[in-house]
Amino acid sequence: MSLVSNVFVDQQSGSYRVAVTRRVLGPKNEAWLLSISVPTARIRDVMLPAVPAGWTVGIGDRGGNYIARSTQHEKMTGKPGLAEYVDKIVGLTGSFKSRDFEGTTLLAGYYRSTYSGWFYAANVPLAEVQAPLWRSLTAICGIGLAALLLSLALAYVVGKRLTEATIDLAGRAEALGHGREVEPMSTSVAEFATIAKAMVDAERAIAERTRELETVLETVPAAVWFTYDLQARQVIRNRFAAELMGLPTDTRKSFGTPDRVIDTVAVKDGHTVAREDRPLSRAMRGETIDNQEFAYTLPSGMQRHLLSSARPIRDPGGSIIGAVQISLDISERKRGEEQRQLLVNELNHRVKNTLAVVQSIANQTIRNATDLTEAGLNLSSRLVSLAKAHDILTRENWSGVDLGDPITNSIKPHAALDRFQICGEAVWLPPNVTLSFALALHELATNAIKYGALSNSTGTVSVAWKVVGDDGVRHLELEWREEGGPPVARVVDKGFGTQLLTAGGVVLNFEKPGLRCTFHLNLTEAEAEDDRLLP
């Protein structure tokens, strides 16, 4: 519905104008008023081409004041018409005789618009139509009819142009308010055309800024949510937020389209957080949230750790109209922290075990040594053997080693490998068993060099092992057999090496051809108990 005003004086320019006002809807469906004013001279210019020579055509408003006049427009616009003339315009259409300002008798025809309430009148001097009676009567009827038709045409042309231009302009204002594209407007009313062009330029500038903002939000490696919903259940999310929540990004709605939030379980400081206590909902209540960590469990079961901040969005008056939340995915960081803590705990565990082994070696070495020089040499060689075992485990990230590696490292410093016969399948030893085997093999190799098969140039050592098992329990059987060395006598005085071996359940047979040492290890148990120090 549009409203058309009476003629009035513009306070800034001093010119007479008329206004057209129309109700339009704003971006949030609020009621706006679009009002356009036009100088009365513009209406006179539209009217003049249709006025016959010798005629006077005028347009008056609802109060009887001249809006436009084909003659003496500048003098008459905004002024009231003659009372005797205006008083005769009482119906929708009609014709009558009246005098003008100069006292000339006129034959007038008029039409009053039901849209604006204005009247359109066409006048011709009565003297110009007074001729022979029949001719005069015919002329009067024709002129009256022509005046009536001319008034109707003028009312239609002027009213139609103003109405169409107003409706078109209102439609463009509504499109601008809702973020839709504004089409250029073609109209003979210059003021309307200027305003329409300004709307087109504004829409293009807004669209460009919107595309720039959307590009930034779709590129930034942070999840962004907007909401204008009081319950914070309808949200606008960027691409990263969709990926973070496990939503598809190739078929999702375009940015700026609200969508429902997905159901997640949020935990903070070990406590479940209700939806109304999460950052976006709190921001809708006016709170400011900075760098708070939350753990979210998605419907798929995947867990995400987010570092979130949120702010309310306010209108110029300070009222809250929405909220925004920005979150960083710190899941990898949290996993890294947990992994580092796990490694620190594992390192502490390994260091404690190693120190316990070193303490045991030192105590046993000193207790069985005859002098400090011997104790120092023995302790040094045993610690070197332990260090080499540590090197092997470090290369494997302390996950364990292949049995062949500690065997080779234990015998290589003492004798050429061609004096050994090594045979066995691949067996993976856990870290605690590796350290024990390294120490035991070191003692066997040292003993063979001092007293056994490696103390001469002809002796040999055979190391063979195999894995046997039943009912899911795996056992390692390893045999160290010496041959070709000096005759072996049974040991009565047990040193550190003998104590180490026998304490672990290793069977020592001092046979005449040479020492035979047999290891029996429950691999299943050893893998389950990785905190045992020695066999």
Protein backbone atom coordinates (compact mmCIF):
# COMPACT_ATOMS: atom_id res chain seq x y z
CA MET A 1 0.00 0.00 0.00
CA SER A 2 1.43 3.42 -1.04
CA LEU A 3 0.49 6.88 0.29
CA VAL A 4 0.63 10.06 -1.85
CA SER A 5 1.01 13.42 -0.11
CA ASN A 6 -0.43 16.86 -0.83
CA VAL A 7 1.86 19.53 -2.26
CA PHE A 8 4.37 20.96 0.23
CA VAL A 9 7.41 23.24 0.40
CA ASP A 10 10.85 21.56 0.75
CA GLN A 11 12.59 23.25 3.71
CA GLN A 12 16.06 22.95 2.18
CA SER A 13 15.53 23.87 -1.49
CA GLY A 14 12.36 25.97 -1.09
CA SER A 15 10.76 24.16 -4.05
CA TYR A 16 7.28 22.69 -4.08
CA ARG A 17 7.23 18.90 -4.01
CA VAL A 18 4.96 15.91 -3.56
CA ALA A 19 5.92 12.66 -1.78
CA VAL A 20 5.08 8.98 -2.22
CA THR A 21 5.54 6.65 0.77
CA ARG A 22 5.42 2.82 0.75
CA ARG A 23 5.80 0.20 3.47
CA VAL A 24 8.63 -2.36 2.90
CA LEU A 25 10.12 -5.20 4.96
CA GLY A 26 13.64 -4.99 6.43
CA PRO A 27 16.27 -7.82 6.70
CA LYS A 28 14.62 -9.21 9.85
CA ASN A 29 11.04 -8.65 8.62
CA GLU A 30 10.75 -5.38 10.51
CA ALA A 31 8.53 -2.66 8.98
CA TRP A 32 10.38 0.08 7.08
CA LEU A 33 8.94 3.12 5.26
CA LEU A 34 10.39 4.06 1.84
CA SER A 35 9.55 7.71 1.05
CA ILE A 36 10.42 9.54 -2.20
CA SER A 37 9.64 13.19 -2.98
CA VAL A 38 9.44 14.71 -6.48
CA PRO A 39 9.44 18.43 -7.49
CA THR A 40 6.09 19.50 -8.95
CA ALA A 41 8.00 20.76 -12.02
CA ARG A 42 8.73 17.13 -12.90
CA ILE A 43 4.99 16.41 -13.02
CA ARG A 44 4.42 19.54 -15.14
CA ASP A 45 7.12 18.28 -17.56
CA VAL A 46 5.43 14.88 -17.86
CA MET A 47 2.05 16.54 -18.46
CA LEU A 48 2.97 19.22 -21.06
CA PRO A 49 3.38 17.01 -24.16
CA ALA A 50 -0.26 15.91 -23.86
CA VAL A 51 -1.80 19.44 -23.55
CA PRO A 52 -3.43 20.80 -26.78
CA ALA A 53 -2.70 24.36 -27.87
CA GLY A 54 -4.99 26.93 -26.25
CA TRP A 55 -5.94 24.60 -23.41
CA THR A 56 -5.06 24.91 -19.78
CA VAL A 57 -4.58 21.71 -17.79
CA GLY A 58 -4.06 21.60 -14.05
CA ILE A 59 -3.53 19.01 -11.30
CA GLY A 60 -4.69 19.67 -7.77
CA ASP A 61 -4.19 17.84 -4.50
CA ARG A 62 -6.77 16.73 -1.98
CA GLY A 63 -6.78 20.18 -0.36
CA GLY A 64 -7.55 22.00 -3.61
CA ASN A 65 -4.01 23.37 -4.05
CA TYR A 66 -2.31 23.38 -7.43
CA ILE A 67 0.34 20.70 -7.90
CA ALA A 68 1.07 21.43 -11.56
CA ARG A 69 -0.36 23.71 -14.23
CA SER A 70 0.35 23.77 -17.95
CA THR A 71 0.49 27.57 -17.84
CA GLN A 72 1.82 29.80 -15.08
CA HIS A 73 3.10 26.73 -13.24
CA GLU A 74 5.73 28.56 -11.23
CA LYS A 75 3.18 31.13 -10.09
CA MET A 76 0.35 28.75 -9.29
CA THR A 77 2.03 25.60 -7.88
CA GLY A 78 1.31 25.21 -4.19
CA LYS A 79 -1.43 27.89 -4.34
CA PRO A 80 -5.14 27.15 -3.78
CA GLY A 81 -7.46 27.13 -6.77
CA LEU A 82 -10.47 29.43 -7.06
CA ALA A 83 -13.08 28.42 -4.51
CA GLU A 84 -15.96 28.55 -7.03
CA TYR A 85 -13.94 26.33 -9.37
CA VAL A 86 -12.79 23.80 -6.74
CA ASP A 87 -16.26 23.56 -5.19
CA LYS A 88 -17.64 22.20 -8.45
CA ILE A 89 -15.27 19.24 -8.44
CA VAL A 90 -17.45 17.06 -6.25
CA GLY A 91 -17.62 13.68 -7.97
CA LEU A 92 -15.29 11.22 -9.59
CA THR A 93 -15.67 12.79 -13.04
CA GLY A 94 -17.66 15.60 -14.59
CA SER A 95 -17.70 18.89 -16.52
CA PHE A 96 -18.85 22.43 -15.71
CA LYS A 97 -18.51 26.12 -16.56
CA SER A 98 -16.54 28.44 -14.33
CA ARG A 99 -14.37 31.53 -14.37
CA ASP A 100 -10.60 31.59 -14.08
CA PHE A 101 -8.39 34.07 -12.22
CA GLU A 102 -8.69 36.60 -15.09
CA GLY A 103 -12.47 36.31 -15.11
CA THR A 104 -12.60 34.32 -18.35
CA THR A 105 -15.44 31.83 -18.53
CA LEU A 106 -14.11 28.33 -19.03
CA LEU A 107 -15.55 25.02 -20.04
CA ALA A 108 -13.87 22.48 -17.72
CA GLY A 109 -13.72 18.70 -17.45
CA TYR A 110 -12.23 16.86 -14.48
CA TYR A 111 -11.34 13.46 -13.03
CA ARG A 112 -10.49 12.69 -9.39
CA SER A 113 -8.07 9.80 -8.79
CA THR A 114 -9.21 7.14 -6.32
CA TYR A 115 -5.55 6.24 -5.76
CA SER A 116 -4.10 9.61 -4.73
CA GLY A 117 -7.20 11.80 -4.26
CA TRP A 118 -5.77 14.33 -6.72
CA PHE A 119 -7.96 15.88 -9.42
CA TYR A 120 -6.96 16.41 -13.03
CA ALA A 121 -8.79 19.28 -14.84
CA ALA A 122 -8.70 20.37 -18.50
CA ASN A 123 -10.03 23.89 -19.37
CA VAL A 124 -10.78 25.74 -22.59
CA PRO A 125 -12.24 29.30 -22.90
CA LEU A 126 -15.97 29.12 -23.58
CA ALA A 127 -15.67 31.92 -26.17
CA GLU A 128 -13.52 29.72 -28.38
CA VAL A 129 -16.29 27.19 -28.62
CA GLN A 130 -19.21 29.60 -29.18
CA ALA A 131 -20.15 29.29 -32.88
CA PRO A 132 -23.29 28.33 -34.75
CA LEU A 133 -25.60 26.56 -32.35
CA TRP A 134 -25.36 23.08 -33.67
CA ARG A 135 -21.71 23.38 -34.20
CA SER A 136 -21.31 24.86 -30.75
CA LEU A 137 -23.40 22.18 -29.14
CA THR A 138 -21.48 19.47 -30.93
CA ALA A 139 -18.19 21.14 -30.12
CA ILE A 140 -19.10 21.59 -26.49
CA CYS A 141 -19.99 17.95 -26.15
CA GLY A 142 -16.87 16.88 -28.00
CA ILE A 143 -14.65 19.25 -26.07
CA GLY A 144 -16.14 18.19 -22.77
CA LEU A 145 -15.64 14.59 -23.68
CA ALA A 146 -12.11 15.34 -24.90
CA ALA A 147 -11.39 17.23 -21.71
CA LEU A 148 -12.69 14.31 -19.70
CA LEU A 149 -10.66 11.81 -21.70
CA LEU A 150 -7.59 14.00 -21.49
CA SER A 151 -7.99 14.25 -17.72
CA LEU A 152 -8.36 10.51 -17.50
CA ALA A 153 -5.30 9.97 -19.68
CA LEU A 154 -3.21 12.43 -17.69
CA ALA A 155 -4.28 10.85 -14.42
CA TYR A 156 -3.49 7.42 -15.74
CA VAL A 157 -0.10 8.34 -17.23
CA VAL A 158 1.18 10.33 -14.27
CA GLY A 159 -0.29 8.04 -11.63
CA LYS A 160 0.86 4.89 -13.40
CA ARG A 161 4.41 6.15 -13.74
CA LEU A 162 4.64 7.22 -10.11
CA THR A 163 3.00 4.04 -8.86
CA GLU A 164 5.16 1.71 -10.94
CA ALA A 165 8.32 3.58 -10.03
CA THR A 166 7.41 3.51 -6.33
CA ILE A 167 6.62 -0.21 -6.39
CA ASP A 168 9.83 -1.00 -8.29
CA LEU A 169 11.90 1.07 -5.87
CA ALA A 170 10.24 -0.55 -2.85
CA GLY A 171 11.00 -4.00 -4.27
CA ARG A 172 14.66 -3.10 -4.69
CA ALA A 173 14.83 -1.73 -1.15
CA GLU A 174 13.38 -5.00 0.15
CA ALA A 175 15.91 -7.04 -1.89
CA LEU A 176 18.77 -4.95 -0.51
CA GLY A 177 17.55 -5.48 3.05
CA HIS A 178 17.43 -9.27 2.58
CA GLY A 179 20.80 -9.52 0.84
CA ARG A 180 19.41 -10.38 -2.60
CA GLU A 181 20.69 -9.02 -5.89
CA VAL A 182 19.32 -5.56 -6.80
CA GLU A 183 18.53 -5.12 -10.50
CA PRO A 184 19.06 -1.75 -12.27
CA MET A 185 15.87 0.32 -12.67
CA SER A 186 14.70 2.23 -15.76
CA THR A 187 12.29 5.12 -15.04
CA SER A 188 11.53 8.60 -16.38
CA VAL A 189 11.48 9.94 -12.80
CA ALA A 190 15.10 11.01 -12.40
CA GLU A 191 15.04 11.00 -8.60
CA PHE A 192 13.78 7.43 -8.50
CA ALA A 193 16.44 6.37 -11.02
CA THR A 194 19.20 7.98 -8.91
CA ILE A 195 18.05 6.19 -5.76
CA ALA A 196 17.77 2.87 -7.61
CA LYS A 197 21.34 3.23 -8.92
CA ALA A 198 22.58 3.94 -5.41
CA MET A 199 20.84 0.76 -4.22
CA VAL A 200 22.48 -1.28 -7.00
CA ASP A 201 25.91 0.10 -6.09
CA ALA A 202 25.29 -0.59 -2.40
CA GLU A 203 24.20 -4.18 -3.11
CA ARG A 204 27.31 -4.83 -5.20
CA ALA A 205 29.59 -3.39 -2.52
CA ILE A 206 27.86 -5.47 0.18
CA ALA A 207 28.10 -8.61 -1.99
CA GLU A 208 31.81 -8.01 -2.58
CA ARG A 209 32.51 -7.55 1.13
CA THR A 210 30.42 -10.66 1.86
CA ARG A 211 32.45 -12.75 -0.61
CA GLU A 212 35.69 -11.49 0.90
CA LEU A 213 34.50 -12.36 4.42
CA GLU A 214 33.25 -15.77 3.28
CA THR A 215 36.60 -16.51 1.60
CA VAL A 216 38.46 -15.62 4.79
CA LEU A 217 36.15 -17.73 6.97
CA GLU A 218 36.34 -20.69 4.57
CA THR A 219 40.16 -20.50 4.46
CA VAL A 220 41.13 -19.82 8.07
CA PRO A 221 42.20 -23.04 9.92
CA ALA A 222 39.77 -22.40 12.75
CA ALA A 223 36.18 -23.50 13.31
CA VAL A 224 33.72 -20.57 13.30
CA TRP A 225 30.06 -20.72 14.34
CA PHE A 226 27.48 -17.89 14.19
CA THR A 227 24.00 -18.03 15.67
CA TYR A 228 21.04 -15.66 15.81
CA ASP A 229 18.91 -18.23 17.63
CA LEU A 230 18.22 -17.59 21.31
CA GLN A 231 18.63 -21.33 22.02
CA ALA A 232 21.82 -21.49 19.88
CA ARG A 233 20.49 -24.55 18.04
CA GLN A 234 20.46 -22.98 14.56
CA VAL A 235 24.02 -22.12 13.55
CA ILE A 236 26.00 -20.91 10.54
CA ARG A 237 29.31 -22.77 10.29
CA ASN A 238 32.38 -22.41 8.08
CA ARG A 239 34.07 -25.25 6.17
CA PHE A 240 36.57 -26.04 8.93
CA ALA A 241 33.77 -26.30 11.51
CA ALA A 242 31.90 -28.73 9.26
CA GLU A 243 35.01 -30.88 8.79
CA LEU A 244 35.72 -30.77 12.52
CA MET A 245 32.24 -32.09 13.34
CA GLY A 246 32.51 -34.83 10.72
CA LEU A 247 30.00 -33.21 8.35
CA PRO A 248 30.40 -33.41 4.55
CA THR A 249 31.72 -30.21 2.95
CA ASP A 250 31.04 -31.01 -0.71
CA THR A 251 27.25 -31.13 -0.39
CA ARG A 252 26.56 -28.84 2.57
CA LYS A 253 24.55 -25.64 2.27
CA SER A 254 26.25 -22.45 1.14
CA PHE A 255 27.88 -20.31 3.81
CA GLY A 256 25.38 -18.03 5.55
CA THR A 257 22.56 -20.61 5.62
CA PRO A 258 21.59 -21.65 9.17
CA ASP A 259 21.56 -25.35 10.02
CA ARG A 260 20.92 -27.36 13.17
CA VAL A 261 23.82 -28.15 15.49
CA ILE A 262 24.77 -31.80 15.79
CA ASP A 263 24.39 -33.70 19.05
CA THR A 264 27.71 -34.05 20.86
CA VAL A 265 28.87 -34.83 24.39
CA ALA A 266 31.04 -32.04 25.81
CA VAL A 267 33.35 -32.49 28.80
CA LYS A 268 35.32 -29.82 30.68
CA ASP A 269 37.62 -30.58 33.60
CA GLY A 270 36.18 -34.09 33.80
CA HIS A 271 32.54 -32.95 34.01
CA THR A 272 29.86 -33.18 31.31
CA VAL A 273 28.76 -29.74 30.08
CA ALA A 274 25.09 -29.18 29.16
CA ARG A 275 24.37 -27.42 25.85
CA GLU A 276 23.13 -24.26 27.57
CA ASP A 277 26.48 -23.99 29.38
CA ARG A 278 28.64 -24.22 26.25
CA PRO A 279 30.42 -21.16 24.82
CA LEU A 280 27.94 -20.21 22.06
CA SER A 281 24.90 -20.44 24.34
CA ARG A 282 26.66 -18.47 27.07
CA ALA A 283 27.65 -15.78 24.57
CA MET A 284 23.97 -15.46 23.56
CA ARG A 285 23.33 -14.57 27.20
CA GLY A 286 25.97 -11.83 27.07
CA GLU A 287 28.98 -13.71 28.50
CA THR A 288 32.52 -13.46 27.12
CA ILE A 289 34.49 -16.74 26.93
CA ASP A 290 38.25 -16.84 26.37
CA ASN A 291 40.40 -19.90 25.59
CA GLN A 292 38.46 -22.63 27.38
CA GLU A 293 39.21 -26.30 26.60
CA PHE A 294 36.41 -28.77 25.89
CA ALA A 295 36.48 -32.42 24.85
CA TYR A 296 33.68 -33.27 22.38
CA THR A 297 32.55 -36.78 21.54
CA LEU A 298 30.82 -36.86 18.15
CA PRO A 299 27.96 -39.22 17.24
CA SER A 300 30.53 -41.27 15.28
CA GLY A 301 32.47 -41.87 18.51
CA MET A 302 35.40 -39.68 17.46
CA GLN A 303 36.72 -37.33 20.14
CA ARG A 304 37.90 -33.78 19.51
CA HIS A 305 39.63 -31.38 21.89
CA LEU A 306 38.77 -27.74 21.15
CA LEU A 307 40.14 -24.47 22.53
CA SER A 308 37.15 -22.12 22.30
CA SER A 309 36.38 -18.40 22.63
CA ALA A 310 32.97 -16.76 22.15
CA ARG A 311 31.49 -13.25 22.02
CA PRO A 312 27.94 -11.83 21.80
CA ILE A 313 26.97 -9.85 18.69
CA ARG A 314 25.19 -6.58 19.53
CA ASP A 315 23.21 -4.09 17.46
CA PRO A 316 24.05 -0.34 17.54
CA GLY A 317 21.76 0.02 20.56
CA GLY A 318 23.70 -2.60 22.54
CA SER A 319 21.06 -5.34 22.42
CA ILE A 320 22.26 -8.90 21.79
CA ILE A 321 21.16 -10.16 18.38
CA GLY A 322 23.52 -13.14 18.00
CA ALA A 323 26.80 -14.76 19.03
CA VAL A 324 30.00 -16.05 17.44
CA GLN A 325 32.31 -18.86 18.58
CA ILE A 326 35.82 -19.57 17.30
CA SER A 327 37.54 -22.87 18.16
CA LEU A 328 40.97 -24.34 17.47
CA ASP A 329 41.42 -28.09 17.15
CA ILE A 330 44.02 -29.04 19.78
CA SER A 331 43.40 -32.78 19.55
CA GLU A 332 46.90 -33.48 18.22
CA ARG A 333 48.44 -31.31 20.91
CA LYS A 334 46.52 -33.17 23.62
CA ARG A 335 47.55 -36.52 22.16
CA GLY A 336 51.15 -35.26 22.02
CA GLU A 337 50.98 -34.21 25.67
CA GLU A 338 49.59 -37.61 26.65
CA GLN A 339 52.28 -39.35 24.60
CA ARG A 340 55.02 -37.23 26.16
CA GLN A 341 53.70 -38.00 29.63
CA LEU A 342 53.57 -41.69 28.75
CA LEU A 343 57.17 -41.54 27.52
CA VAL A 344 58.28 -39.71 30.66
CA ASN A 345 56.60 -42.34 32.82
CA GLU A 346 58.18 -45.11 30.74
CA LEU A 347 61.57 -43.41 30.96
CA ASN A 348 61.25 -43.10 34.75
CA HIS A 349 60.34 -46.77 34.90
CA ARG A 350 63.30 -47.81 32.72
CA VAL A 351 65.75 -45.56 34.58
CA LYS A 352 64.67 -47.00 37.93
CA ASN A 353 65.05 -50.53 36.59
CA THR A 354 68.46 -49.74 35.10
CA LEU A 355 69.69 -48.14 38.31
CA ALA A 356 68.51 -51.20 40.23
CA VAL A 357 70.45 -53.44 37.82
CA VAL A 358 73.57 -51.23 38.11
CA GLN A 359 73.30 -51.26 41.90
CA SER A 360 72.99 -55.06 41.91
CA ILE A 361 75.98 -55.43 39.54
CA ALA A 362 78.10 -53.07 41.64
CA ASN A 363 77.25 -54.77 44.92
CA GLN A 364 77.91 -58.28 43.58
CA THR A 365 81.11 -57.23 41.79
CA ILE A 366 82.61 -55.56 44.87
CA ARG A 367 81.51 -58.36 47.16
CA ASN A 368 83.24 -61.04 45.05
CA ALA A 369 86.38 -59.06 44.06
CA THR A 370 89.75 -59.76 45.68
CA ASP A 371 91.05 -56.20 45.15
CA LEU A 372 89.86 -52.81 43.89
CA THR A 373 91.64 -53.09 40.52
CA GLU A 374 89.88 -56.33 39.70
CA ALA A 375 86.57 -54.89 40.94
CA GLY A 376 86.98 -51.82 38.72
CA LEU A 377 87.78 -53.86 35.60
CA ASN A 378 84.94 -56.31 36.15
CA LEU A 379 82.44 -53.55 36.97
CA SER A 380 83.50 -51.55 33.91
CA SER A 381 83.13 -54.50 31.51
CA ARG A 382 79.72 -55.42 32.92
CA LEU A 383 78.47 -51.83 32.66
CA VAL A 384 79.75 -51.65 29.07
CA SER A 385 77.80 -54.81 28.28
CA LEU A 386 74.70 -53.28 29.90
CA ALA A 387 75.23 -50.04 27.92
CA LYS A 388 75.43 -51.96 24.63
CA ALA A 389 72.16 -53.66 25.44
CA HIS A 390 70.69 -50.22 26.11
CA ASP A 391 71.93 -49.03 22.71
CA ILE A 392 70.19 -51.92 20.98
CA LEU A 393 66.95 -51.22 22.83
CA THR A 394 67.17 -47.48 22.09
CA ARG A 395 67.44 -48.18 18.37
CA GLU A 396 64.21 -50.16 18.65
CA ASN A 397 62.48 -47.49 20.83
CA TRP A 398 62.60 -49.90 23.78
CA SER A 399 60.02 -52.14 22.16
CA GLY A 400 62.37 -55.15 22.39
CA VAL A 401 65.09 -56.73 20.22
CA ASP A 402 65.73 -59.80 18.12
CA LEU A 403 67.56 -62.44 20.20
CA GLY A 404 70.42 -62.62 17.70
CA ASP A 405 71.47 -58.99 18.35
CA PRO A 406 72.41 -59.26 22.07
CA ILE A 407 74.15 -62.62 21.37
CA THR A 408 76.31 -61.09 18.63
CA ASN A 409 77.06 -57.95 20.67
CA SER A 410 78.08 -60.02 23.71
CA ILE A 411 80.59 -62.28 21.94
CA LYS A 412 81.97 -59.96 19.23
CA PRO A 413 84.35 -57.98 21.55
CA HIS A 414 85.86 -61.21 22.97
CA ALA A 415 86.60 -63.52 20.04
CA ALA A 416 86.29 -63.96 16.30
CA LEU A 417 82.82 -64.98 15.17
CA ASP A 418 84.23 -67.97 13.25
CA ARG A 419 84.83 -69.68 16.63
CA PHE A 420 81.07 -69.58 17.29
CA GLN A 421 78.27 -71.60 15.82
CA ILE A 422 75.04 -69.57 16.16
CA CYS A 423 71.77 -71.15 15.14
CA GLY A 424 68.16 -70.29 15.92
CA GLU A 425 64.89 -68.82 14.66
CA ALA A 426 63.88 -65.18 14.99
CA VAL A 427 62.71 -64.48 18.54
CA TRP A 428 61.61 -61.06 19.79
CA LEU A 429 62.67 -60.39 23.39
CA PRO A 430 60.98 -57.79 25.62
CA PRO A 431 63.27 -55.06 27.09
CA ASN A 432 63.61 -56.53 30.60
CA VAL A 433 64.61 -59.95 29.23
CA THR A 434 67.07 -58.33 26.81
CA LEU A 435 69.03 -56.71 29.66
CA SER A 436 69.13 -60.00 31.57
CA PHE A 437 70.30 -61.97 28.52
CA ALA A 438 72.97 -59.38 27.74
CA LEU A 439 74.45 -59.66 31.25
CA ALA A 440 74.23 -63.47 31.31
CA LEU A 441 75.90 -63.83 27.87
CA HIS A 442 78.59 -61.36 28.91
CA GLU A 443 79.41 -63.51 31.94
CA LEU A 444 79.48 -66.68 29.82
CA ALA A 445 81.79 -65.07 27.22
CA THR A 446 84.10 -63.68 29.94
CA ASN A 447 84.24 -67.07 31.66
CA ALA A 448 84.98 -68.83 28.32
CA ILE A 449 87.91 -66.45 27.67
CA LYS A 450 89.39 -66.91 31.16
CA TYR A 451 88.78 -70.60 31.78
CA GLY A 452 86.82 -72.22 28.95
CA ALA A 453 86.81 -72.86 25.23
CA LEU A 454 88.00 -69.39 24.27
CA SER A 455 91.09 -69.54 26.52
CA ASN A 456 93.03 -71.40 23.79
CA SER A 457 93.17 -71.25 20.01
CA THR A 458 91.17 -74.39 19.23
CA GLY A 459 88.03 -74.21 21.35
CA THR A 460 84.61 -73.38 19.95
CA VAL A 461 81.29 -72.26 21.33
CA SER A 462 77.87 -73.31 20.04
CA VAL A 463 74.81 -71.15 20.77
CA ALA A 464 71.49 -72.64 19.66
CA TRP A 465 67.89 -71.91 20.58
CA LYS A 466 64.32 -72.73 19.65
CA VAL A 467 60.78 -71.79 20.70
CA VAL A 468 58.37 -74.49 21.86
CA GLY A 469 54.86 -74.08 23.10
CA ASP A 470 51.56 -75.65 23.99
CA ASP A 471 48.16 -74.26 25.02
CA GLY A 472 49.17 -70.80 23.83
CA VAL A 473 52.23 -70.57 26.13
CA ARG A 474 55.55 -70.03 24.36
CA HIS A 475 58.90 -71.16 25.89
CA LEU A 476 62.39 -70.24 24.75
CA GLU A 477 65.08 -72.93 25.11
CA LEU A 478 68.68 -71.73 24.58
CA GLU A 479 71.86 -73.76 24.99
CA TRP A 480 75.45 -72.44 25.35
CA ARG A 481 77.87 -75.33 24.73
CA GLU A 482 81.68 -75.11 24.86
CA GLU A 483 84.05 -77.65 23.30
CA GLY A 484 87.80 -77.95 22.75
CA GLY A 485 88.85 -76.01 25.79
CA PRO A 486 90.80 -77.11 28.89
CA PRO A 487 89.27 -79.85 31.01
CA VAL A 488 86.46 -78.41 33.13
CA ALA A 489 86.30 -78.81 36.86
CA ARG A 490 83.14 -78.17 38.83
CA VAL A 491 83.10 -74.74 40.40
CA VAL A 492 82.92 -74.69 44.14
CA ASP A 493 83.45 -70.99 44.83
CA LYS A 494 80.65 -69.23 42.97
CA GLY A 495 81.54 -65.80 41.66
CA PHE A 496 79.21 -63.06 40.40
CA GLY A 497 78.69 -64.67 36.99
CA THR A 498 77.73 -68.04 38.43
CA GLN A 499 75.42 -66.42 40.97
CA LEU A 500 73.81 -64.34 38.25
CA LEU A 501 73.16 -67.34 36.04
CA THR A 502 71.94 -69.74 38.69
CA ALA A 503 69.78 -67.11 40.35
CA GLY A 504 67.79 -66.87 37.17
CA GLY A 505 67.06 -70.58 36.95
CA VAL A 506 69.77 -71.23 34.35
CA VAL A 507 71.16 -74.80 34.45
CA LEU A 508 74.99 -75.05 34.43
CA ASN A 509 76.56 -78.42 33.56
CA PHE A 510 80.35 -78.57 34.03
CA GLU A 511 80.97 -81.43 31.63
CA LYS A 512 84.46 -82.64 30.75
CA PRO A 513 84.38 -81.48 27.08
CA GLY A 514 83.26 -78.07 28.25
CA LEU A 515 80.60 -76.01 29.97
CA ARG A 516 77.01 -76.51 28.90
CA CYS A 517 74.55 -73.82 29.99
CA THR A 518 70.78 -74.17 29.35
CA PHE A 519 68.27 -71.31 29.49
CA HIS A 520 64.53 -71.89 29.85
CA LEU A 521 62.28 -68.80 29.54
CA ASN A 522 58.50 -68.45 29.51
CA LEU A 523 58.16 -65.85 26.72
CA THR A 524 54.43 -65.39 27.29
CA GLU A 525 55.00 -64.51 30.92
CA ALA A 526 57.99 -62.31 30.13
CA GLU A 527 56.02 -60.28 27.59
CA ALA A 528 53.27 -59.75 30.14
CA GLU A 529 55.65 -58.77 32.93
CA ASP A 530 57.95 -56.19 31.41
CA ASP A 531 59.02 -54.76 34.76
CA ARG A 532 61.13 -57.72 35.91
CA LEU A 533 64.84 -56.82 36.27
CA LEU A 534 66.84 -60.07 36.07
CA PRO A 535 66.09 -63.69 35.02
